[in-house]
């Protein structure tokens, strides 16, 4: 399941550099997560790094992008093999 950033985001800039897939970018008003690139850090870390550093806890699961651990791993493999 990809993650999303809610409007509680305070634009503190700490999540973007933590994302190993470069899935986080500045949106019009708050940071956004590209669900095509978000693997919840599967393949990189045990936990999503953006959640680890977020001071306001505004990064829940995205209910519009439900994926299994196997699907997240497949996405990780596709993203990293393209590099």
C-alpha atoms as a PDB file:
ATOM      1  CA  UNK A   1       0.000   0.000   0.000  1.00  0.00           C
ATOM      2  CA  UNK A   2       1.412   3.342  -0.924  1.00  0.00           C
ATOM      3  CA  UNK A   3       1.440   6.093   1.652  1.00  0.00           C
ATOM      4  CA  UNK A   4      -0.074   9.553   1.397  1.00  0.00           C
ATOM      5  CA  UNK A   5       0.504  12.899   3.069  1.00  0.00           C
ATOM      6  CA  UNK A   6      -2.508  14.614   4.599  1.00  0.00           C
ATOM      7  CA  UNK A   7      -3.243  18.325   4.800  1.00  0.00           C
ATOM      8  CA  UNK A   8      -1.854  18.273   8.350  1.00  0.00           C
ATOM      9  CA  UNK A   9       1.599  18.499   6.693  1.00  0.00           C
ATOM     10  CA  UNK A  10       3.560  21.520   7.919  1.00  0.00           C
ATOM     11  CA  UNK A  11       6.055  21.520   5.015  1.00  0.00           C
ATOM     12  CA  UNK A  12       8.969  20.914   7.358  1.00  0.00           C
ATOM     13  CA  UNK A  13      11.030  19.347   4.530  1.00  0.00           C
ATOM     14  CA  UNK A  14      12.275  16.355   6.537  1.00  0.00           C
ATOM     15  CA  UNK A  15      10.446  13.565   4.681  1.00  0.00           C
ATOM     16  CA  UNK A  16      11.558  14.282   1.117  1.00  0.00           C
ATOM     17  CA  UNK A  17      15.287  13.506   1.517  1.00  0.00           C
ATOM     18  CA  UNK A  18      14.509  10.352   3.540  1.00  0.00           C
ATOM     19  CA  UNK A  19      12.628   8.633   0.700  1.00  0.00           C
ATOM     20  CA  UNK A  20      14.933   6.123  -1.012  1.00  0.00           C
ATOM     21  CA  UNK A  21      12.664   5.977  -4.081  1.00  0.00           C
ATOM     22  CA  UNK A  22      12.341   9.754  -4.571  1.00  0.00           C
ATOM     23  CA  UNK A  23       8.575   9.330  -4.282  1.00  0.00           C
ATOM     24  CA  UNK A  24       8.063  12.491  -2.214  1.00  0.00           C
ATOM     25  CA  UNK A  25       7.970  15.920  -3.798  1.00  0.00           C
ATOM     26  CA  UNK A  26       6.620  19.379  -3.055  1.00  0.00           C
ATOM     27  CA  UNK A  27       3.033  19.710  -4.234  1.00  0.00           C
ATOM     28  CA  UNK A  28       1.008  22.886  -4.688  1.00  0.00           C
ATOM     29  CA  UNK A  29       0.442  23.327  -0.952  1.00  0.00           C
ATOM     30  CA  UNK A  30       1.973  20.330   0.835  1.00  0.00           C
ATOM     31  CA  UNK A  31       4.325  17.484   0.060  1.00  0.00           C
ATOM     32  CA  UNK A  32       2.891  14.628  -1.995  1.00  0.00           C
ATOM     33  CA  UNK A  33       3.812  10.977  -2.478  1.00  0.00           C
ATOM     34  CA  UNK A  34       3.853   9.388  -5.939  1.00  0.00           C
ATOM     35  CA  UNK A  35       2.101   6.018  -5.431  1.00  0.00           C
ATOM     36  CA  UNK A  36       3.928   4.581  -8.447  1.00  0.00           C
ATOM     37  CA  UNK A  37       7.232   5.061  -6.610  1.00  0.00           C
ATOM     38  CA  UNK A  38       6.195   4.454  -2.977  1.00  0.00           C
ATOM     39  CA  UNK A  39       7.104   1.003  -1.682  1.00  0.00           C
ATOM     40  CA  UNK A  40       6.724   1.908   2.019  1.00  0.00           C
ATOM     41  CA  UNK A  41      10.522   1.465   1.997  1.00  0.00           C
ATOM     42  CA  UNK A  42      10.144  -2.280   1.319  1.00  0.00           C
ATOM     43  CA  UNK A  43      13.502  -3.457   0.011  1.00  0.00           C
ATOM     44  CA  UNK A  44      15.315  -0.561   1.665  1.00  0.00           C
ATOM     45  CA  UNK A  45      14.258  -0.399   5.322  1.00  0.00           C
ATOM     46  CA  UNK A  46      12.027  -2.211   7.817  1.00  0.00           C
ATOM     47  CA  UNK A  47       9.766   0.802   8.288  1.00  0.00           C
ATOM     48  CA  UNK A  48       8.768   3.766   6.098  1.00  0.00           C
ATOM     49  CA  UNK A  49      11.427   6.385   6.705  1.00  0.00           C
ATOM     50  CA  UNK A  50       9.105   9.320   6.026  1.00  0.00           C
ATOM     51  CA  UNK A  51       6.912   8.194   8.923  1.00  0.00           C
ATOM     52  CA  UNK A  52       9.959   7.839  11.148  1.00  0.00           C
ATOM     53  CA  UNK A  53      10.939  11.497  10.708  1.00  0.00           C
ATOM     54  CA  UNK A  54       7.527  13.175  10.364  1.00  0.00           C
ATOM     55  CA  UNK A  55       6.978  15.427  13.395  1.00  0.00           C
ATOM     56  CA  UNK A  56       3.186  15.690  12.939  1.00  0.00           C
ATOM     57  CA  UNK A  57       2.270  12.100  12.031  1.00  0.00           C
ATOM     58  CA  UNK A  58       0.512  13.029   8.779  1.00  0.00           C
ATOM     59  CA  UNK A  59       1.527  10.047   6.613  1.00  0.00           C
ATOM     60  CA  UNK A  60      -1.157   7.326   6.716  1.00  0.00           C
ATOM     61  CA  UNK A  61      -1.727   4.433   4.329  1.00  0.00           C
ATOM     62  CA  UNK A  62      -3.327   5.520   1.055  1.00  0.00           C
ATOM     63  CA  UNK A  63      -6.614   3.580   0.804  1.00  0.00           C
ATOM     64  CA  UNK A  64      -6.677   4.216  -2.953  1.00  0.00           C
ATOM     65  CA  UNK A  65      -3.437   2.272  -3.488  1.00  0.00           C
ATOM     66  CA  UNK A  66      -3.671  -1.006  -1.582  1.00  0.00           C
ATOM     67  CA  UNK A  67      -0.747  -3.367  -2.256  1.00  0.00           C
ATOM     68  CA  UNK A  68       0.570  -6.539  -0.655  1.00  0.00           C
ATOM     69  CA  UNK A  69       4.131  -6.907   0.605  1.00  0.00           C
ATOM     70  CA  UNK A  70       4.860  -9.018  -2.506  1.00  0.00           C
ATOM     71  CA  UNK A  71       3.553  -6.259  -4.771  1.00  0.00           C
ATOM     72  CA  UNK A  72       5.628  -3.668  -2.918  1.00  0.00           C
ATOM     73  CA  UNK A  73       8.725  -5.854  -3.318  1.00  0.00           C
ATOM     74  CA  UNK A  74       8.008  -6.271  -7.037  1.00  0.00           C
ATOM     75  CA  UNK A  75       7.697  -2.484  -7.351  1.00  0.00           C
ATOM     76  CA  UNK A  76      10.984  -2.045  -5.465  1.00  0.00           C
ATOM     77  CA  UNK A  77      12.710  -4.503  -7.810  1.00  0.00           C
ATOM     78  CA  UNK A  78      11.312  -2.740 -10.890  1.00  0.00           C
ATOM     79  CA  UNK A  79      12.364   0.691  -9.589  1.00  0.00           C
ATOM     80  CA  UNK A  80      15.873  -0.362  -8.610  1.00  0.00           C
ATOM     81  CA  UNK A  81      16.582  -2.396 -11.737  1.00  0.00           C
ATOM     82  CA  UNK A  82      15.850   0.670 -13.848  1.00  0.00           C
ATOM     83  CA  UNK A  83      18.705   2.578 -12.201  1.00  0.00           C
END
